[in-house]
Amino acid sequence: MRLSICIATYRRAGMIGATLDSILPGLTDDVELLVVDGASPDETEAVVAGRFQGRANCRYLRLAAKGGVDRDYCIAVEQAYGDYVWLMTDDDALKPGAVARVLAALAGEPDLVVVNAEVADADLGRTLLDRKLRLAADRTVAPGQRDELLALTGDLLTFIGSVVVRRETWQARDKESWVGTEFVHVGVIFQAPLGRPARVIAEPLVRIRYGLAQWAGRAFEIWMFNWPKLIWGLAGIGEAAKAAVTPREPWRHTGRLLTMKAQGHYTLAAYRRWLAPLPMPRTHRLGAWLLAVWPRSLFVLQMRLVVPLLPPHEREMMKFELSRH
């Protein structure tokens, strides 16, 4: 088996059907689809079973209990048969031809393939961002070039569905240290130099449903603290590469707080829990507090005046954010 497309899912009965429908037409005798279900209490099992019936290269594994997204992906990789595993999400969609495109990229026997993605609204009807990684052509990163790989792909790799990795590489690496971060794949990829090249596909092959992450309610904690802690804790990688992905303390940057406010994640409760206990200059504290208590309707009105000044690739995303709140 050349490739296993691995999905870890939990309580996604309303969306996983569309995800599977986008993947199934691309399967071949050398590609399998594996769904690991963390004991979903909804109709996920029935949705998956209805689509997998009669398909020898499709498997469904229901766990006794939810282990969390990181651990459930690790279980999926353990159970996979493929030389490579594509860590696909349970609510997004592959674009036509995506599987064939990835199989072609595997011909060079890389350790890692990073797949570009586009971003759409919740029903996949409207494109908000035509590509996460603004790369005009495919790129190959030599073995050992972790700084270059992180700087190039770090922002895209917040999305686990962009990762296609050699299974034996994944299995040989430490995973427990990264379980619970929500980004176990990043820990696996960057904990040590890869032994083979990494291939980065410029063409978007995945269509992401924006704003539907399972941990959306923890977005402020994850993006302001957990994600930068993970990136800046990577050993053997230079500060310039890490800074290209995220500031060490994003909450000190007004622009980052404005984005969190626009997304509805920065509130007075978030300020009190996460920022109030931290040491910071008095003027910065005052500004952070004012932004937290600023009336939502007034903030949205003001931000709409700023949207036309944003770069084109950010404009649609911000317009969509403001329309949701």
Protein backbone atom coordinates (compact mmCIF):
# COMPACT_ATOMS: atom_id res chain seq x y z
CA MET A 1 0.00 0.00 0.00
CA ARG A 2 1.50 3.31 -1.07
CA LEU A 3 -0.67 5.85 0.76
CA SER A 4 -3.06 5.82 3.70
CA ILE A 5 -5.38 8.80 4.09
CA CYS A 6 -5.96 8.93 7.85
CA ILE A 7 -8.81 10.84 9.46
CA ALA A 8 -9.20 11.23 13.21
CA THR A 9 -12.76 12.31 13.95
CA TYR A 10 -15.09 13.10 16.80
CA ARG A 11 -18.74 14.16 16.61
CA ARG A 12 -18.65 15.29 12.98
CA ALA A 13 -21.64 13.41 11.55
CA GLY A 14 -22.87 16.56 9.87
CA MET A 15 -19.67 17.18 7.94
CA ILE A 16 -17.57 14.03 7.58
CA GLY A 17 -19.84 12.67 4.85
CA ALA A 18 -18.90 15.52 2.51
CA THR A 19 -15.24 15.03 3.39
CA LEU A 20 -15.39 11.33 2.52
CA ASP A 21 -17.28 12.08 -0.69
CA SER A 22 -14.41 14.32 -1.79
CA ILE A 23 -11.82 11.60 -1.10
CA LEU A 24 -13.44 8.38 -2.32
CA PRO A 25 -13.30 9.13 -6.07
CA GLY A 26 -9.51 9.47 -5.85
CA LEU A 27 -8.83 6.13 -4.19
CA THR A 28 -6.93 3.44 -6.10
CA ASP A 29 -5.82 -0.08 -5.26
CA ASP A 30 -2.68 1.45 -3.77
CA VAL A 31 -4.49 4.04 -1.61
CA GLU A 32 -6.59 3.34 1.47
CA LEU A 33 -8.86 5.52 3.59
CA LEU A 34 -8.86 4.98 7.36
CA VAL A 35 -11.20 6.75 9.81
CA VAL A 36 -10.44 6.58 13.53
CA ASP A 37 -13.46 7.68 15.58
CA GLY A 38 -12.92 8.80 19.16
CA ALA A 39 -16.21 7.27 20.35
CA SER A 40 -18.48 9.89 18.78
CA PRO A 41 -21.91 10.09 20.48
CA ASP A 42 -23.61 11.19 17.25
CA GLU A 43 -24.29 9.39 13.94
CA THR A 44 -20.68 9.47 12.73
CA GLU A 45 -20.43 5.67 12.60
CA ALA A 46 -23.54 5.34 10.45
CA VAL A 47 -22.40 8.09 8.07
CA VAL A 48 -19.02 6.45 7.58
CA ALA A 49 -20.40 2.92 7.31
CA GLY A 50 -22.81 3.93 4.59
CA ARG A 51 -19.97 5.19 2.43
CA PHE A 52 -17.48 2.43 3.20
CA GLN A 53 -19.79 -0.49 2.50
CA GLY A 54 -18.27 -2.82 -0.10
CA ARG A 55 -14.96 -0.93 -0.28
CA ALA A 56 -12.02 -3.13 0.63
CA ASN A 57 -9.63 -0.18 0.86
CA CYS A 58 -11.74 1.74 3.40
CA ARG A 59 -11.61 1.00 7.13
CA TYR A 60 -13.42 2.42 10.15
CA LEU A 61 -12.02 2.04 13.68
CA ARG A 62 -14.17 3.12 16.61
CA LEU A 63 -12.24 3.70 19.82
CA ALA A 64 -13.62 2.93 23.26
CA ALA A 65 -13.04 6.53 24.33
CA LYS A 66 -11.91 9.84 22.88
CA GLY A 67 -8.16 10.21 23.22
CA GLY A 68 -7.87 13.74 21.81
CA VAL A 69 -6.91 14.76 18.30
CA ASP A 70 -3.16 14.21 18.72
CA ARG A 71 -3.44 10.73 20.21
CA ASP A 72 -6.15 9.64 17.80
CA TYR A 73 -3.99 10.62 14.81
CA CYS A 74 -1.13 8.62 16.33
CA ILE A 75 -3.46 5.61 16.55
CA ALA A 76 -4.49 6.14 12.93
CA VAL A 77 -0.85 6.09 11.80
CA GLU A 78 -0.20 2.94 13.83
CA GLN A 79 -3.12 1.21 12.13
CA ALA A 80 -2.29 2.42 8.61
CA TYR A 81 -0.90 0.11 5.94
CA GLY A 82 0.60 2.72 3.64
CA ASP A 83 4.23 3.68 3.15
CA TYR A 84 2.98 7.25 3.58
CA VAL A 85 0.15 8.70 5.66
CA TRP A 86 -1.88 11.78 4.79
CA LEU A 87 -3.27 13.23 8.02
CA MET A 88 -6.54 14.51 6.64
CA THR A 89 -9.16 16.41 8.63
CA ASP A 90 -12.79 15.37 9.19
CA ASP A 91 -14.59 18.51 8.03
CA ASP A 92 -12.66 19.77 4.99
CA ALA A 93 -12.53 18.52 1.40
CA LEU A 94 -9.98 17.34 -1.13
CA LYS A 95 -10.07 19.00 -4.51
CA PRO A 96 -10.45 16.80 -7.63
CA GLY A 97 -7.16 15.18 -8.57
CA ALA A 98 -5.59 15.77 -5.15
CA VAL A 99 -4.74 12.13 -4.44
CA ALA A 100 -3.12 11.63 -7.84
CA ARG A 101 -1.12 14.82 -7.36
CA VAL A 102 0.22 13.63 -4.00
CA LEU A 103 1.04 10.18 -5.38
CA ALA A 104 3.10 11.85 -8.10
CA ALA A 105 4.99 13.86 -5.45
CA LEU A 106 5.83 10.63 -3.61
CA ALA A 107 7.74 9.31 -6.62
CA GLY A 108 10.86 11.08 -5.36
CA GLU A 109 10.64 9.19 -2.02
CA PRO A 110 10.56 12.30 0.22
CA ASP A 111 10.20 12.07 3.97
CA LEU A 112 7.49 14.73 3.90
CA VAL A 113 5.05 16.30 1.46
CA VAL A 114 3.38 19.55 2.50
CA VAL A 115 0.15 20.19 0.60
CA ASN A 116 -1.10 23.72 0.07
CA ALA A 117 -4.73 24.57 0.87
CA GLU A 118 -7.34 27.19 0.14
CA VAL A 119 -9.83 28.53 2.69
CA ALA A 120 -13.59 28.67 2.24
CA ASP A 121 -16.60 29.53 4.35
CA ALA A 122 -18.41 26.93 6.46
CA ASP A 123 -20.44 25.44 3.59
CA LEU A 124 -17.48 25.51 1.17
CA GLY A 125 -19.45 27.76 -1.15
CA ARG A 126 -17.27 30.87 -1.03
CA THR A 127 -13.50 31.10 -1.28
CA LEU A 128 -12.01 33.42 1.33
CA LEU A 129 -8.32 32.77 0.63
CA ASP A 130 -7.11 31.25 -2.62
CA ARG A 131 -4.03 29.69 -1.00
CA LYS A 132 -2.60 29.51 2.50
CA LEU A 133 0.96 29.29 1.26
CA ARG A 134 1.73 31.97 -1.29
CA LEU A 135 4.11 29.90 -3.36
CA ALA A 136 4.13 30.11 -7.16
CA ALA A 137 5.83 26.76 -7.81
CA ASP A 138 6.59 23.53 -5.99
CA ARG A 139 9.65 23.59 -3.77
CA THR A 140 12.02 20.89 -2.55
CA VAL A 141 13.75 21.43 0.79
CA ALA A 142 16.94 19.46 1.30
CA PRO A 143 17.36 17.05 4.24
CA GLY A 144 18.49 18.81 7.38
CA GLN A 145 17.24 22.25 6.33
CA ARG A 146 14.80 22.61 9.22
CA ASP A 147 15.06 26.41 9.40
CA GLU A 148 14.13 26.80 5.75
CA LEU A 149 11.32 24.24 6.03
CA LEU A 150 9.82 25.88 9.13
CA ALA A 151 10.01 29.42 7.74
CA LEU A 152 8.46 28.31 4.46
CA THR A 153 5.66 26.06 5.74
CA GLY A 154 5.14 26.88 9.44
CA ASP A 155 1.96 28.90 8.99
CA LEU A 156 0.42 26.30 6.68
CA LEU A 157 1.34 23.49 9.07
CA THR A 158 -1.08 24.81 11.66
CA PHE A 159 -3.47 22.83 9.43
CA ILE A 160 -2.77 19.11 9.90
CA GLY A 161 -4.50 18.26 6.62
CA SER A 162 -1.46 19.62 4.78
CA VAL A 163 0.79 16.82 6.08
CA VAL A 164 1.78 13.71 4.13
CA VAL A 165 4.62 11.96 5.93
CA ARG A 166 6.57 8.74 5.54
CA ARG A 167 5.03 6.33 8.04
CA GLU A 168 8.33 4.86 9.22
CA THR A 169 9.63 8.38 9.92
CA TRP A 170 6.56 9.17 12.03
CA GLN A 171 6.75 5.88 13.89
CA ALA A 172 10.45 6.28 14.70
CA ARG A 173 10.00 9.69 16.36
CA ASP A 174 8.86 10.90 19.77
CA LYS A 175 5.17 11.65 19.81
CA GLU A 176 4.26 11.58 23.49
CA SER A 177 6.07 14.87 24.16
CA TRP A 178 3.69 16.59 21.75
CA VAL A 179 0.39 14.89 22.54
CA GLY A 180 -1.99 17.50 23.92
CA THR A 181 -0.51 20.45 22.03
CA GLU A 182 -3.09 20.09 19.19
CA PHE A 183 -0.09 20.04 16.81
CA VAL A 184 1.61 16.68 17.31
CA HIS A 185 2.53 16.62 13.62
CA VAL A 186 4.68 19.75 14.01
CA GLY A 187 6.57 18.17 16.89
CA VAL A 188 7.17 15.01 14.88
CA ILE A 189 8.38 16.87 11.80
CA PHE A 190 10.70 19.38 13.48
CA GLN A 191 12.11 17.53 16.51
CA ALA A 192 15.08 16.37 14.41
CA PRO A 193 16.35 16.82 10.83
CA LEU A 194 14.57 14.74 8.21
CA GLY A 195 16.64 12.08 6.53
CA ARG A 196 15.18 12.71 3.06
CA PRO A 197 13.97 15.83 1.23
CA ALA A 198 10.64 17.51 1.89
CA ARG A 199 8.42 18.38 -1.05
CA VAL A 200 6.10 21.40 -0.87
CA ILE A 201 3.19 21.42 -3.34
CA ALA A 202 2.22 24.96 -4.34
CA GLU A 203 -1.16 24.05 -5.83
CA PRO A 204 -3.97 24.08 -3.23
CA LEU A 205 -5.29 20.52 -2.99
CA VAL A 206 -7.46 20.90 0.12
CA ARG A 207 -10.43 23.18 0.71
CA ILE A 208 -10.65 24.20 4.37
CA ARG A 209 -13.92 25.06 6.12
CA TYR A 210 -12.95 28.18 8.03
CA GLY A 211 -13.63 28.57 11.74
CA LEU A 212 -14.84 25.05 12.53
CA ALA A 213 -11.89 23.68 14.51
CA GLN A 214 -12.93 21.52 17.46
CA TRP A 215 -10.98 23.82 19.77
CA ALA A 216 -12.42 27.09 18.42
CA GLY A 217 -13.53 28.04 21.95
CA ARG A 218 -9.86 27.96 23.03
CA ALA A 219 -8.54 29.99 20.11
CA PHE A 220 -7.08 32.82 22.20
CA GLU A 221 -5.16 30.39 24.42
CA ILE A 222 -3.93 28.33 21.48
CA TRP A 223 -2.76 31.12 19.15
CA MET A 224 -1.49 33.56 21.75
CA PHE A 225 0.24 31.03 24.01
CA ASN A 226 0.26 27.33 23.05
CA TRP A 227 1.30 27.66 19.40
CA PRO A 228 4.15 30.14 20.03
CA LYS A 229 5.35 28.07 22.99
CA LEU A 230 5.58 25.02 20.73
CA ILE A 231 7.38 26.84 17.91
CA TRP A 232 9.82 28.71 20.15
CA GLY A 233 10.50 25.53 22.09
CA LEU A 234 11.79 23.67 19.03
CA ALA A 235 15.43 22.79 19.64
CA GLY A 236 18.11 23.34 17.03
CA ILE A 237 16.14 25.86 14.96
CA GLY A 238 17.14 29.51 14.64
CA GLU A 239 15.14 32.44 15.98
CA ALA A 240 14.68 33.97 12.52
CA ALA A 241 12.84 30.86 11.29
CA LYS A 242 10.66 30.78 14.40
CA ALA A 243 9.87 34.50 14.11
CA ALA A 244 8.77 33.93 10.50
CA VAL A 245 6.00 31.69 11.87
CA THR A 246 4.90 33.51 15.03
CA PRO A 247 6.20 36.08 17.50
CA ARG A 248 7.41 34.61 20.77
CA GLU A 249 4.65 36.54 22.61
CA PRO A 250 1.93 37.43 20.08
CA TRP A 251 -0.24 39.01 22.76
CA ARG A 252 2.25 41.89 22.93
CA HIS A 253 1.44 42.80 19.30
CA THR A 254 -1.53 45.10 18.77
CA GLY A 255 -2.19 43.67 15.32
CA ARG A 256 -2.55 40.16 16.74
CA LEU A 257 -5.00 41.35 19.39
CA LEU A 258 -7.01 43.21 16.75
CA THR A 259 -7.26 40.00 14.71
CA MET A 260 -8.38 38.07 17.78
CA LYS A 261 -10.97 40.76 18.48
CA ALA A 262 -12.24 40.61 14.89
CA GLN A 263 -12.57 36.84 15.20
CA GLY A 264 -14.53 37.19 18.42
CA HIS A 265 -11.86 35.48 20.54
CA TYR A 266 -10.52 38.48 22.46
CA THR A 267 -12.99 39.48 25.16
CA LEU A 268 -12.85 40.95 28.64
CA ALA A 269 -12.95 37.38 30.00
CA ALA A 270 -9.91 36.49 27.86
CA TYR A 271 -8.08 39.59 29.08
CA ARG A 272 -8.79 38.77 32.72
CA ARG A 273 -7.75 35.15 32.40
CA TRP A 274 -4.70 35.40 30.15
CA LEU A 275 -3.31 38.94 30.06
CA ALA A 276 -4.15 40.57 33.38
CA PRO A 277 -1.75 38.34 35.36
CA LEU A 278 1.19 39.03 33.01
CA PRO A 279 3.82 41.76 33.53
CA MET A 280 3.64 44.47 30.87
CA PRO A 281 4.14 48.24 30.53
CA ARG A 282 1.28 50.32 31.85
CA THR A 283 0.45 51.79 28.43
CA HIS A 284 0.30 48.34 26.84
CA ARG A 285 -1.92 47.07 29.64
CA LEU A 286 -4.28 50.01 29.22
CA GLY A 287 -4.48 49.45 25.46
CA ALA A 288 -5.12 45.72 25.88
CA TRP A 289 -7.85 46.40 28.42
CA LEU A 290 -9.53 49.07 26.26
CA LEU A 291 -9.58 46.74 23.27
CA ALA A 292 -11.09 43.99 25.42
CA VAL A 293 -13.93 46.19 26.69
CA TRP A 294 -14.50 48.06 23.40
CA PRO A 295 -18.14 47.57 22.27
CA ARG A 296 -18.39 44.88 19.64
CA SER A 297 -20.62 46.85 17.28
CA LEU A 298 -18.33 49.89 17.33
CA PHE A 299 -15.23 47.77 16.77
CA VAL A 300 -16.77 46.03 13.77
CA LEU A 301 -17.79 49.38 12.27
CA GLN A 302 -14.28 50.76 12.67
CA MET A 303 -12.63 47.67 11.25
CA ARG A 304 -14.83 47.75 8.17
CA LEU A 305 -13.27 51.11 7.35
CA VAL A 306 -9.81 49.52 7.55
CA VAL A 307 -10.55 46.43 5.42
CA PRO A 308 -9.97 48.17 2.03
CA LEU A 309 -6.42 48.98 3.19
CA LEU A 310 -5.49 45.33 3.80
CA PRO A 311 -3.48 43.26 1.29
CA PRO A 312 -5.78 41.54 -1.24
CA HIS A 313 -5.08 38.03 0.12
CA GLU A 314 -6.23 39.13 3.61
CA ARG A 315 -9.19 41.29 2.62
CA GLU A 316 -11.81 38.57 2.02
CA MET A 317 -10.85 36.77 5.23
CA MET A 318 -11.32 39.89 7.34
CA LYS A 319 -14.57 40.83 5.60
CA PHE A 320 -15.88 37.35 6.36
CA GLU A 321 -14.77 37.57 9.99
CA LEU A 322 -16.56 40.86 10.49
CA SER A 323 -19.72 39.53 8.84
CA ARG A 324 -19.89 36.67 11.36
CA HIS A 325 -20.09 38.90 14.45
